[in-house]
């Protein structure tokens, strides 16, 4: 696996989704379901790299692959920490939670 490329794609995807939430939240054009799906997309983009990278670290017999995977997991973890502290995402999540009664049952 090319961990650097996978990490770069995931971070770019998560960043674009974060920016979309921040921009659209200011304009009030996102509904709660779209916010929820966008937040889920951020999580999915990062976890799609972090989870297999951590598995590789634990199970791959090749030292160089484990090291590359560990670096990718660490870098994605740092991005995830920064996003967890992001004020725009926190505000969007809070608004989404406040509007949870308007969401379909499957999205609550």
N, C-alpha and C. Protein backbone atom coordinates (compact mmCIF):
# COMPACT_ATOMS: atom_id res chain seq x y z
N UNK A 1 0.84 -1.19 0.00
CA UNK A 1 0.00 0.00 0.00
C UNK A 1 0.87 1.24 0.00
N UNK A 2 0.41 2.24 -0.69
CA UNK A 2 1.11 3.53 -0.71
C UNK A 2 0.47 4.41 0.36
N UNK A 3 1.01 4.31 1.56
CA UNK A 3 0.40 5.00 2.70
C UNK A 3 0.43 6.51 2.57
N UNK A 4 1.51 7.05 1.99
CA UNK A 4 1.58 8.51 1.84
C UNK A 4 0.48 9.03 0.92
N UNK A 5 0.24 8.33 -0.19
CA UNK A 5 -0.80 8.76 -1.12
C UNK A 5 -2.19 8.60 -0.49
N UNK A 6 -2.41 7.48 0.19
CA UNK A 6 -3.71 7.25 0.85
C UNK A 6 -3.95 8.32 1.91
N UNK A 7 -2.92 8.62 2.67
CA UNK A 7 -3.04 9.64 3.72
C UNK A 7 -3.34 11.01 3.09
N UNK A 8 -2.63 11.36 2.04
CA UNK A 8 -2.84 12.65 1.39
C UNK A 8 -4.26 12.78 0.85
N UNK A 9 -4.77 11.72 0.24
CA UNK A 9 -6.15 11.76 -0.28
C UNK A 9 -7.16 11.92 0.86
N UNK A 10 -6.96 11.17 1.93
CA UNK A 10 -7.89 11.22 3.06
C UNK A 10 -7.88 12.59 3.72
N UNK A 11 -6.71 13.13 3.92
CA UNK A 11 -6.60 14.45 4.57
C UNK A 11 -7.21 15.52 3.67
N UNK A 12 -6.97 15.44 2.37
CA UNK A 12 -7.56 16.41 1.45
C UNK A 12 -9.08 16.30 1.43
N UNK A 13 -9.59 15.08 1.42
CA UNK A 13 -11.03 14.86 1.43
C UNK A 13 -11.65 15.40 2.71
N UNK A 14 -11.06 15.06 3.84
CA UNK A 14 -11.57 15.54 5.13
C UNK A 14 -11.51 17.07 5.20
N UNK A 15 -10.43 17.65 4.71
CA UNK A 15 -10.29 19.10 4.72
C UNK A 15 -11.33 19.79 3.84
N UNK A 16 -11.59 19.22 2.68
CA UNK A 16 -12.59 19.80 1.79
C UNK A 16 -13.98 19.73 2.42
N UNK A 17 -14.28 18.61 3.07
CA UNK A 17 -15.58 18.47 3.73
C UNK A 17 -15.69 19.43 4.92
N UNK A 18 -14.61 19.59 5.66
CA UNK A 18 -14.60 20.53 6.78
C UNK A 18 -14.85 21.94 6.28
N UNK A 19 -14.16 22.31 5.20
CA UNK A 19 -14.34 23.65 4.63
C UNK A 19 -15.76 23.86 4.12
N UNK A 20 -16.34 22.82 3.54
CA UNK A 20 -17.73 22.93 3.06
C UNK A 20 -18.68 23.18 4.22
N UNK A 21 -18.47 22.47 5.32
CA UNK A 21 -19.32 22.69 6.49
C UNK A 21 -19.15 24.11 7.01
N UNK A 22 -17.92 24.55 7.14
CA UNK A 22 -17.67 25.90 7.67
C UNK A 22 -18.28 26.97 6.76
N UNK A 23 -18.11 26.83 5.47
CA UNK A 23 -18.64 27.81 4.52
C UNK A 23 -20.16 27.79 4.51
N UNK A 24 -20.73 26.61 4.39
CA UNK A 24 -22.18 26.51 4.30
C UNK A 24 -22.86 26.83 5.63
N UNK A 25 -22.20 26.56 6.73
CA UNK A 25 -22.78 26.88 8.03
C UNK A 25 -22.93 28.40 8.18
N UNK A 26 -21.96 29.14 7.67
CA UNK A 26 -22.06 30.61 7.72
C UNK A 26 -23.23 31.10 6.87
N UNK A 27 -23.47 30.41 5.78
CA UNK A 27 -24.58 30.80 4.88
C UNK A 27 -25.91 30.21 5.32
N UNK A 28 -25.86 29.27 6.25
CA UNK A 28 -27.06 28.57 6.73
C UNK A 28 -27.78 27.82 5.60
N UNK A 29 -27.00 27.21 4.71
CA UNK A 29 -27.59 26.49 3.59
C UNK A 29 -27.57 24.98 3.77
N UNK A 30 -26.95 24.49 4.82
CA UNK A 30 -26.91 23.05 5.07
C UNK A 30 -28.00 22.67 6.05
N UNK A 31 -28.74 21.65 5.72
CA UNK A 31 -29.70 21.12 6.67
C UNK A 31 -29.00 20.13 7.58
N UNK A 32 -29.65 19.74 8.66
CA UNK A 32 -29.01 18.85 9.63
C UNK A 32 -28.61 17.49 9.04
N UNK A 33 -29.39 16.94 8.13
CA UNK A 33 -29.04 15.65 7.56
C UNK A 33 -27.78 15.77 6.69
N UNK A 34 -27.68 16.85 5.95
CA UNK A 34 -26.48 17.05 5.12
C UNK A 34 -25.25 17.29 6.00
N UNK A 35 -25.42 18.02 7.08
CA UNK A 35 -24.31 18.21 8.02
C UNK A 35 -23.87 16.86 8.58
N UNK A 36 -24.84 16.06 9.01
CA UNK A 36 -24.53 14.75 9.57
C UNK A 36 -23.78 13.89 8.56
N UNK A 37 -24.26 13.88 7.33
CA UNK A 37 -23.59 13.07 6.29
C UNK A 37 -22.19 13.59 5.98
N UNK A 38 -22.02 14.89 6.02
CA UNK A 38 -20.70 15.45 5.75
C UNK A 38 -19.74 15.14 6.90
N UNK A 39 -20.21 15.25 8.13
CA UNK A 39 -19.38 14.87 9.28
C UNK A 39 -19.01 13.39 9.20
N UNK A 40 -19.96 12.55 8.82
CA UNK A 40 -19.69 11.13 8.66
C UNK A 40 -18.66 10.90 7.56
N UNK A 41 -18.73 11.68 6.50
CA UNK A 41 -17.75 11.57 5.42
C UNK A 41 -16.34 11.91 5.87
N UNK A 42 -16.23 12.90 6.74
CA UNK A 42 -14.92 13.24 7.30
C UNK A 42 -14.36 12.06 8.08
N UNK A 43 -15.19 11.52 8.95
CA UNK A 43 -14.77 10.38 9.76
C UNK A 43 -14.38 9.19 8.88
N UNK A 44 -15.22 8.90 7.90
CA UNK A 44 -14.98 7.76 7.02
C UNK A 44 -13.68 7.93 6.24
N UNK A 45 -13.43 9.13 5.72
CA UNK A 45 -12.21 9.37 4.94
C UNK A 45 -10.97 9.09 5.78
N UNK A 46 -10.97 9.56 7.01
CA UNK A 46 -9.80 9.37 7.87
C UNK A 46 -9.69 7.93 8.37
N UNK A 47 -10.80 7.35 8.76
CA UNK A 47 -10.77 5.97 9.27
C UNK A 47 -10.45 4.96 8.18
N UNK A 48 -10.78 5.29 6.92
CA UNK A 48 -10.45 4.39 5.82
C UNK A 48 -8.94 4.25 5.62
N UNK A 49 -8.18 5.17 6.17
CA UNK A 49 -6.71 5.05 6.16
C UNK A 49 -6.22 4.56 7.51
N UNK A 50 -6.73 5.15 8.58
CA UNK A 50 -6.21 4.82 9.90
C UNK A 50 -6.43 3.36 10.27
N UNK A 51 -7.61 2.82 10.03
CA UNK A 51 -7.90 1.44 10.43
C UNK A 51 -6.99 0.43 9.72
N UNK A 52 -6.88 0.46 8.39
CA UNK A 52 -5.98 -0.51 7.76
C UNK A 52 -4.51 -0.24 8.08
N UNK A 53 -4.16 1.02 8.30
CA UNK A 53 -2.77 1.31 8.67
C UNK A 53 -2.44 0.68 10.02
N UNK A 54 -3.35 0.80 10.97
CA UNK A 54 -3.11 0.19 12.28
C UNK A 54 -3.07 -1.33 12.19
N UNK A 55 -3.88 -1.91 11.32
CA UNK A 55 -3.83 -3.35 11.10
C UNK A 55 -2.48 -3.75 10.52
N UNK A 56 -1.99 -2.98 9.56
CA UNK A 56 -0.69 -3.25 8.96
C UNK A 56 0.42 -3.17 10.00
N UNK A 57 0.35 -2.18 10.86
CA UNK A 57 1.35 -2.04 11.92
C UNK A 57 1.36 -3.28 12.81
N UNK A 58 0.17 -3.80 13.09
CA UNK A 58 0.07 -4.95 13.99
C UNK A 58 0.39 -6.27 13.31
N UNK A 59 0.19 -6.37 11.98
CA UNK A 59 0.23 -7.69 11.38
C UNK A 59 1.21 -7.88 10.24
N UNK A 60 1.70 -6.83 9.61
CA UNK A 60 2.56 -7.01 8.44
C UNK A 60 3.95 -7.47 8.88
N UNK A 61 4.46 -8.44 8.18
CA UNK A 61 5.77 -9.00 8.52
C UNK A 61 6.93 -8.09 8.09
N UNK A 62 6.65 -7.18 7.18
CA UNK A 62 7.73 -6.34 6.63
C UNK A 62 7.87 -5.04 7.43
N UNK A 63 9.05 -4.87 7.96
CA UNK A 63 9.35 -3.72 8.82
C UNK A 63 9.09 -2.39 8.11
N UNK A 64 9.52 -2.26 6.86
CA UNK A 64 9.36 -0.99 6.15
C UNK A 64 7.88 -0.65 5.92
N UNK A 65 7.06 -1.66 5.71
CA UNK A 65 5.63 -1.41 5.54
C UNK A 65 4.99 -1.02 6.87
N UNK A 66 5.42 -1.67 7.94
CA UNK A 66 4.89 -1.30 9.26
C UNK A 66 5.24 0.14 9.59
N UNK A 67 6.48 0.53 9.31
CA UNK A 67 6.91 1.91 9.60
C UNK A 67 6.11 2.93 8.78
N UNK A 68 5.91 2.65 7.51
CA UNK A 68 5.15 3.57 6.66
C UNK A 68 3.70 3.66 7.14
N UNK A 69 3.13 2.54 7.50
CA UNK A 69 1.75 2.52 8.00
C UNK A 69 1.65 3.27 9.33
N UNK A 70 2.63 3.10 10.19
CA UNK A 70 2.62 3.79 11.48
C UNK A 70 2.69 5.30 11.29
N UNK A 71 3.51 5.75 10.36
CA UNK A 71 3.59 7.19 10.08
C UNK A 71 2.25 7.71 9.55
N UNK A 72 1.63 6.96 8.65
CA UNK A 72 0.34 7.38 8.11
C UNK A 72 -0.71 7.45 9.21
N UNK A 73 -0.76 6.43 10.05
CA UNK A 73 -1.74 6.41 11.15
C UNK A 73 -1.49 7.58 12.11
N UNK A 74 -0.24 7.85 12.42
CA UNK A 74 0.07 8.97 13.31
C UNK A 74 -0.34 10.30 12.69
N UNK A 75 -0.03 10.49 11.41
CA UNK A 75 -0.37 11.74 10.73
C UNK A 75 -1.88 11.93 10.65
N UNK A 76 -2.60 10.87 10.30
CA UNK A 76 -4.06 10.97 10.23
C UNK A 76 -4.63 11.21 11.63
N UNK A 77 -4.04 10.59 12.64
CA UNK A 77 -4.48 10.82 14.02
C UNK A 77 -4.33 12.27 14.43
N UNK A 78 -3.26 12.91 14.00
CA UNK A 78 -3.06 14.32 14.31
C UNK A 78 -4.13 15.18 13.63
N UNK A 79 -4.45 14.86 12.39
CA UNK A 79 -5.50 15.59 11.68
C UNK A 79 -6.83 15.39 12.39
N UNK A 80 -7.11 14.16 12.79
CA UNK A 80 -8.35 13.86 13.50
C UNK A 80 -8.44 14.65 14.81
N UNK A 81 -7.35 14.73 15.54
CA UNK A 81 -7.33 15.53 16.78
C UNK A 81 -7.63 16.99 16.49
N UNK A 82 -7.03 17.53 15.44
CA UNK A 82 -7.27 18.94 15.09
C UNK A 82 -8.74 19.15 14.71
N UNK A 83 -9.30 18.21 13.96
CA UNK A 83 -10.70 18.34 13.57
C UNK A 83 -11.63 18.19 14.76
N UNK A 84 -11.25 17.37 15.72
CA UNK A 84 -12.07 17.22 16.93
C UNK A 84 -12.14 18.52 17.72
N UNK A 85 -11.13 19.36 17.58
CA UNK A 85 -11.10 20.65 18.29
C UNK A 85 -11.57 21.80 17.41
N UNK A 86 -12.00 21.52 16.19
CA UNK A 86 -12.39 22.55 15.24
C UNK A 86 -13.73 23.17 15.66
N UNK A 87 -13.74 24.48 15.85
CA UNK A 87 -14.95 25.18 16.32
C UNK A 87 -16.09 25.13 15.32
N UNK A 88 -15.78 25.23 14.04
CA UNK A 88 -16.84 25.18 13.02
C UNK A 88 -17.51 23.81 13.00
N UNK A 89 -16.72 22.76 13.11
CA UNK A 89 -17.31 21.41 13.13
C UNK A 89 -18.11 21.18 14.40
N UNK A 90 -17.60 21.67 15.52
CA UNK A 90 -18.32 21.50 16.79
C UNK A 90 -19.66 22.24 16.75
N UNK A 91 -19.66 23.43 16.20
CA UNK A 91 -20.91 24.19 16.11
C UNK A 91 -21.90 23.51 15.17
N UNK A 92 -21.41 23.00 14.06
CA UNK A 92 -22.28 22.30 13.11
C UNK A 92 -22.85 21.04 13.74
N UNK A 93 -22.02 20.31 14.47
CA UNK A 93 -22.49 19.09 15.14
C UNK A 93 -23.53 19.43 16.21
N UNK A 94 -23.31 20.51 16.94
CA UNK A 94 -24.27 20.91 17.98
C UNK A 94 -25.61 21.30 17.35
N UNK A 95 -25.56 22.03 16.26
CA UNK A 95 -26.80 22.40 15.57
C UNK A 95 -27.52 21.16 15.04
N UNK A 96 -26.75 20.24 14.54
CA UNK A 96 -27.32 18.99 14.04
C UNK A 96 -27.98 18.22 15.18
N UNK A 97 -27.33 18.15 16.29
CA UNK A 97 -27.89 17.44 17.45
C UNK A 97 -29.16 18.13 17.94
N UNK A 98 -29.17 19.46 17.92
CA UNK A 98 -30.34 20.20 18.37
C UNK A 98 -31.52 19.96 17.44
N UNK A 99 -31.24 19.67 16.19
CA UNK A 99 -32.31 19.46 15.21
C UNK A 99 -32.59 17.98 14.99
N UNK A 100 -32.11 17.14 15.90
CA UNK A 100 -32.21 15.70 15.67
C UNK A 100 -33.65 15.20 15.50
N UNK A 101 -34.59 15.90 16.07
CA UNK A 101 -35.99 15.49 15.93
C UNK A 101 -36.47 15.61 14.49
N UNK A 102 -35.79 16.44 13.70
CA UNK A 102 -36.19 16.60 12.30
C UNK A 102 -35.51 15.60 11.38
N UNK A 103 -34.56 14.84 11.91
CA UNK A 103 -33.84 13.86 11.10
C UNK A 103 -34.65 12.58 10.98
N UNK A 104 -34.46 11.85 9.88
CA UNK A 104 -35.09 10.53 9.79
C UNK A 104 -34.62 9.64 10.94
N UNK A 105 -35.45 8.72 11.33
CA UNK A 105 -35.12 7.83 12.47
C UNK A 105 -33.77 7.14 12.24
N UNK A 106 -33.47 6.75 11.02
CA UNK A 106 -32.21 6.04 10.73
C UNK A 106 -30.99 6.93 10.94
N UNK A 107 -31.14 8.24 10.95
CA UNK A 107 -30.01 9.16 11.10
C UNK A 107 -29.85 9.67 12.52
N UNK A 108 -30.73 9.31 13.42
CA UNK A 108 -30.64 9.83 14.78
C UNK A 108 -29.65 9.06 15.60
